[in-house]
Amino acid sequence: MKKKMLTLYLAALLSAALLAPSLTALGTKPELRVVHNAFLTSPPPDMKELPNGIIIMTGTSYQDWSGGGWDGDVVQEFRMVMRPPELGGMVTGDGYGVFTGTIDEKSGTVRYQIKNIIPDGFFPGGKGTITILQGTGELAGIKGHGTLDFVNQNAEIYMHFEPS
């Protein structure tokens, strides 16, 4: 049981880290390409194994995003559901994050939502979505959505600023 939980903990950290290694953001005016590096630090997540073998993991990851116009810190809350092979072996996850810093010299916060699926339960497979929900400060009015590709370890986000 201890080895299984350690493996799942490492898988969760890898999943959180895979959300961040490379980010491409495309804006409407002007189009901008953003590639950032993320440095991940996280306490161990809370894990609960159900009688049928499904494991539910919740936790918080702390990331440092920099590069390509993005510079700041992220706090991301996540929940992952890991199914054993006899139940399909699929891993699903969702969560919310808050980026605090600057994007192209505009400062504020950006709140976003992530959802992902790893069909066969093996890392680094799978895909996901990211949706920018709102911004504050000079980032107020930011909107966007995109895809997460865990196989190639990148994300592509289309974003723009709506008039206030």
C-alpha atoms as a PDB file:
ATOM      1  CA  MET A   1       0.000   0.000   0.000  1.00  0.00           C
ATOM      2  CA  LYS A   2       2.839   2.405   0.901  1.00  0.00           C
ATOM      3  CA  LYS A   3       4.619   1.824  -2.438  1.00  0.00           C
ATOM      4  CA  LYS A   4       1.327   2.277  -4.328  1.00  0.00           C
ATOM      5  CA  MET A   5       0.647   5.594  -2.560  1.00  0.00           C
ATOM      6  CA  LEU A   6       4.201   6.825  -3.220  1.00  0.00           C
ATOM      7  CA  THR A   7       3.838   5.936  -6.905  1.00  0.00           C
ATOM      8  CA  LEU A   8       0.521   7.808  -7.068  1.00  0.00           C
ATOM      9  CA  TYR A   9       1.987  10.797  -5.233  1.00  0.00           C
ATOM     10  CA  LEU A  10       4.842  10.971  -7.736  1.00  0.00           C
ATOM     11  CA  ALA A  11       2.348  10.595 -10.586  1.00  0.00           C
ATOM     12  CA  ALA A  12       0.315  13.516  -9.228  1.00  0.00           C
ATOM     13  CA  LEU A  13       3.393  15.715  -8.945  1.00  0.00           C
ATOM     14  CA  LEU A  14       4.368  14.795 -12.495  1.00  0.00           C
ATOM     15  CA  SER A  15       0.874  15.606 -13.691  1.00  0.00           C
ATOM     16  CA  ALA A  16       0.967  19.016 -12.016  1.00  0.00           C
ATOM     17  CA  ALA A  17       4.432  19.683 -13.418  1.00  0.00           C
ATOM     18  CA  LEU A  18       3.339  18.678 -16.912  1.00  0.00           C
ATOM     19  CA  LEU A  19       0.783  21.444 -16.889  1.00  0.00           C
ATOM     20  CA  ALA A  20       3.543  23.984 -16.812  1.00  0.00           C
ATOM     21  CA  PRO A  21       6.737  23.166 -18.759  1.00  0.00           C
ATOM     22  CA  SER A  22       5.812  24.968 -21.941  1.00  0.00           C
ATOM     23  CA  LEU A  23       2.957  27.391 -22.460  1.00  0.00           C
ATOM     24  CA  THR A  24       2.014  29.050 -25.715  1.00  0.00           C
ATOM     25  CA  ALA A  25      -0.394  31.954 -25.449  1.00  0.00           C
ATOM     26  CA  LEU A  26      -1.883  33.515 -28.524  1.00  0.00           C
ATOM     27  CA  GLY A  27      -3.579  36.874 -28.130  1.00  0.00           C
ATOM     28  CA  THR A  28      -5.749  38.747 -30.576  1.00  0.00           C
ATOM     29  CA  LYS A  29      -3.893  42.098 -30.597  1.00  0.00           C
ATOM     30  CA  PRO A  30      -1.045  41.438 -31.030  1.00  0.00           C
ATOM     31  CA  GLU A  31      -0.577  37.680 -31.190  1.00  0.00           C
ATOM     32  CA  LEU A  32       1.917  36.710 -28.575  1.00  0.00           C
ATOM     33  CA  ARG A  33       3.719  33.469 -28.036  1.00  0.00           C
ATOM     34  CA  VAL A  34       4.634  32.694 -24.457  1.00  0.00           C
ATOM     35  CA  VAL A  35       6.931  29.923 -23.343  1.00  0.00           C
ATOM     36  CA  HIS A  36       7.511  29.722 -19.644  1.00  0.00           C
ATOM     37  CA  ASN A  37       9.349  27.546 -17.199  1.00  0.00           C
ATOM     38  CA  ALA A  38       7.680  26.329 -14.069  1.00  0.00           C
ATOM     39  CA  PHE A  39       9.411  25.358 -10.873  1.00  0.00           C
ATOM     40  CA  LEU A  40       7.127  23.160  -8.833  1.00  0.00           C
ATOM     41  CA  THR A  41       7.080  22.790  -5.067  1.00  0.00           C
ATOM     42  CA  SER A  42       4.236  21.007  -3.407  1.00  0.00           C
ATOM     43  CA  PRO A  43       3.449  19.379  -0.096  1.00  0.00           C
ATOM     44  CA  PRO A  44       2.247  15.768  -0.260  1.00  0.00           C
ATOM     45  CA  PRO A  45      -1.378  15.550  -1.409  1.00  0.00           C
ATOM     46  CA  ASP A  46      -4.197  14.046   0.634  1.00  0.00           C
ATOM     47  CA  MET A  47      -5.054  10.566  -0.656  1.00  0.00           C
ATOM     48  CA  LYS A  48      -8.022   8.344   0.023  1.00  0.00           C
ATOM     49  CA  GLU A  49      -8.424   4.825  -1.364  1.00  0.00           C
ATOM     50  CA  LEU A  50     -12.001   3.627  -1.777  1.00  0.00           C
ATOM     51  CA  PRO A  51     -12.997  -0.030  -1.289  1.00  0.00           C
ATOM     52  CA  ASN A  52     -13.180  -0.573  -5.079  1.00  0.00           C
ATOM     53  CA  GLY A  53      -9.528   0.516  -5.513  1.00  0.00           C
ATOM     54  CA  ILE A  54     -10.212   4.029  -6.820  1.00  0.00           C
ATOM     55  CA  ILE A  55      -7.862   6.587  -5.304  1.00  0.00           C
ATOM     56  CA  ILE A  56      -8.896  10.208  -4.869  1.00  0.00           C
ATOM     57  CA  MET A  57      -6.075  12.681  -4.417  1.00  0.00           C
ATOM     58  CA  THR A  58      -6.389  16.374  -3.548  1.00  0.00           C
ATOM     59  CA  GLY A  59      -3.654  18.873  -3.062  1.00  0.00           C
ATOM     60  CA  THR A  60      -2.024  22.187  -3.770  1.00  0.00           C
ATOM     61  CA  SER A  61       0.909  22.894  -6.049  1.00  0.00           C
ATOM     62  CA  TYR A  62       3.054  26.012  -5.930  1.00  0.00           C
ATOM     63  CA  GLN A  63       4.735  27.062  -9.166  1.00  0.00           C
ATOM     64  CA  ASP A  64       7.035  29.815 -10.359  1.00  0.00           C
ATOM     65  CA  TRP A  65       6.200  30.817 -13.950  1.00  0.00           C
ATOM     66  CA  SER A  66       8.646  32.916 -15.926  1.00  0.00           C
ATOM     67  CA  GLY A  67       9.524  33.611 -19.539  1.00  0.00           C
ATOM     68  CA  GLY A  68       7.852  34.885 -22.663  1.00  0.00           C
ATOM     69  CA  GLY A  69       6.159  37.820 -20.996  1.00  0.00           C
ATOM     70  CA  TRP A  70       4.802  35.854 -18.011  1.00  0.00           C
ATOM     71  CA  ASP A  71       6.486  36.337 -14.652  1.00  0.00           C
ATOM     72  CA  GLY A  72       4.896  35.347 -11.379  1.00  0.00           C
ATOM     73  CA  ASP A  73       3.734  32.696  -8.975  1.00  0.00           C
ATOM     74  CA  VAL A  74       0.918  30.171  -9.203  1.00  0.00           C
ATOM     75  CA  VAL A  75      -1.067  28.439  -6.491  1.00  0.00           C
ATOM     76  CA  GLN A  76      -3.088  25.582  -7.967  1.00  0.00           C
ATOM     77  CA  GLU A  77      -5.618  23.395  -6.151  1.00  0.00           C
ATOM     78  CA  PHE A  78      -6.216  20.015  -7.795  1.00  0.00           C
ATOM     79  CA  ARG A  79      -8.234  16.824  -7.471  1.00  0.00           C
ATOM     80  CA  MET A  80      -7.313  13.597  -9.256  1.00  0.00           C
ATOM     81  CA  VAL A  81      -9.281  10.364  -9.498  1.00  0.00           C
ATOM     82  CA  MET A  82      -7.205   7.292 -10.327  1.00  0.00           C
ATOM     83  CA  ARG A  83      -8.995   4.134 -11.360  1.00  0.00           C
ATOM     84  CA  PRO A  84      -7.379   0.691 -11.138  1.00  0.00           C
ATOM     85  CA  PRO A  85      -6.856  -1.287 -14.371  1.00  0.00           C
ATOM     86  CA  GLU A  86      -9.929  -3.439 -13.725  1.00  0.00           C
ATOM     87  CA  LEU A  87     -12.022  -0.236 -13.741  1.00  0.00           C
ATOM     88  CA  GLY A  88     -10.445   1.148 -16.905  1.00  0.00           C
ATOM     89  CA  GLY A  89      -7.188   2.523 -15.479  1.00  0.00           C
ATOM     90  CA  MET A  90      -8.170   6.079 -16.377  1.00  0.00           C
ATOM     91  CA  VAL A  91      -6.924   9.119 -14.463  1.00  0.00           C
ATOM     92  CA  THR A  92      -9.000  12.296 -14.471  1.00  0.00           C
ATOM     93  CA  GLY A  93      -8.205  15.577 -12.827  1.00  0.00           C
ATOM     94  CA  ASP A  94      -9.509  19.058 -12.368  1.00  0.00           C
ATOM     95  CA  GLY A  95      -8.579  22.133 -10.464  1.00  0.00           C
ATOM     96  CA  TYR A  96      -8.296  25.873 -10.195  1.00  0.00           C
ATOM     97  CA  GLY A  97      -5.239  28.055 -10.148  1.00  0.00           C
ATOM     98  CA  VAL A  98      -4.337  31.669  -9.517  1.00  0.00           C
ATOM     99  CA  PHE A  99      -1.394  33.298 -11.289  1.00  0.00           C
ATOM    100  CA  THR A 100      -0.111  36.436  -9.544  1.00  0.00           C
ATOM    101  CA  GLY A 101       2.412  38.539 -11.406  1.00  0.00           C
ATOM    102  CA  THR A 102       2.811  40.231 -14.754  1.00  0.00           C
ATOM    103  CA  ILE A 103       1.923  39.367 -18.337  1.00  0.00           C
ATOM    104  CA  ASP A 104       3.646  41.653 -20.833  1.00  0.00           C
ATOM    105  CA  GLU A 105       4.335  44.197 -18.088  1.00  0.00           C
ATOM    106  CA  LYS A 106       0.663  44.291 -16.983  1.00  0.00           C
ATOM    107  CA  SER A 107       0.317  43.279 -13.342  1.00  0.00           C
ATOM    108  CA  GLY A 108      -2.499  41.531 -11.530  1.00  0.00           C
ATOM    109  CA  THR A 109      -3.912  38.069 -11.026  1.00  0.00           C
ATOM    110  CA  VAL A 110      -5.385  35.532 -13.424  1.00  0.00           C
ATOM    111  CA  ARG A 111      -7.770  32.832 -12.201  1.00  0.00           C
ATOM    112  CA  TYR A 112      -8.057  29.708 -14.370  1.00  0.00           C
ATOM    113  CA  GLN A 113      -9.580  26.232 -14.411  1.00  0.00           C
ATOM    114  CA  ILE A 114      -7.969  23.020 -15.645  1.00  0.00           C
ATOM    115  CA  LYS A 115      -9.459  19.649 -16.568  1.00  0.00           C
ATOM    116  CA  ASN A 116      -7.464  16.678 -17.757  1.00  0.00           C
ATOM    117  CA  ILE A 117      -7.771  13.044 -18.674  1.00  0.00           C
ATOM    118  CA  ILE A 118      -5.147  10.355 -18.973  1.00  0.00           C
ATOM    119  CA  PRO A 119      -7.036   7.505 -20.683  1.00  0.00           C
ATOM    120  CA  ASP A 120      -4.662   4.632 -19.923  1.00  0.00           C
ATOM    121  CA  GLY A 121      -3.448   5.961 -16.579  1.00  0.00           C
ATOM    122  CA  PHE A 122       0.176   6.207 -17.712  1.00  0.00           C
ATOM    123  CA  PHE A 123       2.204   9.383 -17.482  1.00  0.00           C
ATOM    124  CA  PRO A 124       3.060  11.417 -19.466  1.00  0.00           C
ATOM    125  CA  GLY A 125       0.051  10.547 -21.639  1.00  0.00           C
ATOM    126  CA  GLY A 126      -3.197  12.429 -21.792  1.00  0.00           C
ATOM    127  CA  LYS A 127      -4.678  15.779 -22.603  1.00  0.00           C
ATOM    128  CA  GLY A 128      -6.601  18.533 -20.930  1.00  0.00           C
ATOM    129  CA  THR A 129      -8.132  21.965 -21.175  1.00  0.00           C
ATOM    130  CA  ILE A 130      -7.401  25.274 -19.501  1.00  0.00           C
ATOM    131  CA  THR A 131      -9.881  28.131 -19.269  1.00  0.00           C
ATOM    132  CA  ILE A 132      -8.979  31.628 -18.104  1.00  0.00           C
ATOM    133  CA  LEU A 133     -11.873  32.724 -15.916  1.00  0.00           C
ATOM    134  CA  GLN A 134     -10.965  36.265 -14.880  1.00  0.00           C
ATOM    135  CA  GLY A 135      -8.213  38.732 -14.160  1.00  0.00           C
ATOM    136  CA  THR A 136      -7.700  41.566 -11.710  1.00  0.00           C
ATOM    137  CA  GLY A 137      -5.646  44.748 -11.727  1.00  0.00           C
ATOM    138  CA  GLU A 138      -4.175  45.527 -15.132  1.00  0.00           C
ATOM    139  CA  LEU A 139      -5.104  41.967 -16.159  1.00  0.00           C
ATOM    140  CA  ALA A 140      -8.826  42.649 -15.685  1.00  0.00           C
ATOM    141  CA  GLY A 141     -10.763  41.677 -18.776  1.00  0.00           C
ATOM    142  CA  ILE A 142      -8.401  38.851 -19.757  1.00  0.00           C
ATOM    143  CA  LYS A 143     -10.186  35.856 -21.287  1.00  0.00           C
ATOM    144  CA  GLY A 144      -8.845  32.722 -22.858  1.00  0.00           C
ATOM    145  CA  HIS A 145      -8.958  28.995 -23.341  1.00  0.00           C
ATOM    146  CA  GLY A 146      -6.630  26.332 -24.579  1.00  0.00           C
ATOM    147  CA  THR A 147      -5.425  22.774 -24.596  1.00  0.00           C
ATOM    148  CA  LEU A 148      -2.921  20.872 -22.487  1.00  0.00           C
ATOM    149  CA  ASP A 149      -0.874  18.144 -24.155  1.00  0.00           C
ATOM    150  CA  PHE A 150       0.851  15.927 -21.592  1.00  0.00           C
ATOM    151  CA  VAL A 151       2.561  13.773 -24.236  1.00  0.00           C
ATOM    152  CA  ASN A 152       4.491  16.737 -25.683  1.00  0.00           C
ATOM    153  CA  GLN A 153       4.468  18.591 -22.338  1.00  0.00           C
ATOM    154  CA  ASN A 154       3.010  21.847 -23.586  1.00  0.00           C
ATOM    155  CA  ALA A 155      -0.067  24.003 -23.561  1.00  0.00           C
ATOM    156  CA  GLU A 156      -1.534  26.356 -26.119  1.00  0.00           C
ATOM    157  CA  ILE A 157      -3.762  29.163 -24.890  1.00  0.00           C
ATOM    158  CA  TYR A 158      -5.689  31.665 -26.958  1.00  0.00           C
ATOM    159  CA  MET A 159      -6.194  34.823 -24.914  1.00  0.00           C
ATOM    160  CA  HIS A 160      -7.378  38.364 -25.357  1.00  0.00           C
ATOM    161  CA  PHE A 161      -8.462  41.353 -23.287  1.00  0.00           C
ATOM    162  CA  GLU A 162     -12.093  42.408 -23.368  1.00  0.00           C
ATOM    163  CA  PRO A 163     -12.879  46.097 -22.954  1.00  0.00           C
ATOM    164  CA  SER A 164     -13.753  47.157 -19.412  1.00  0.00           C
END
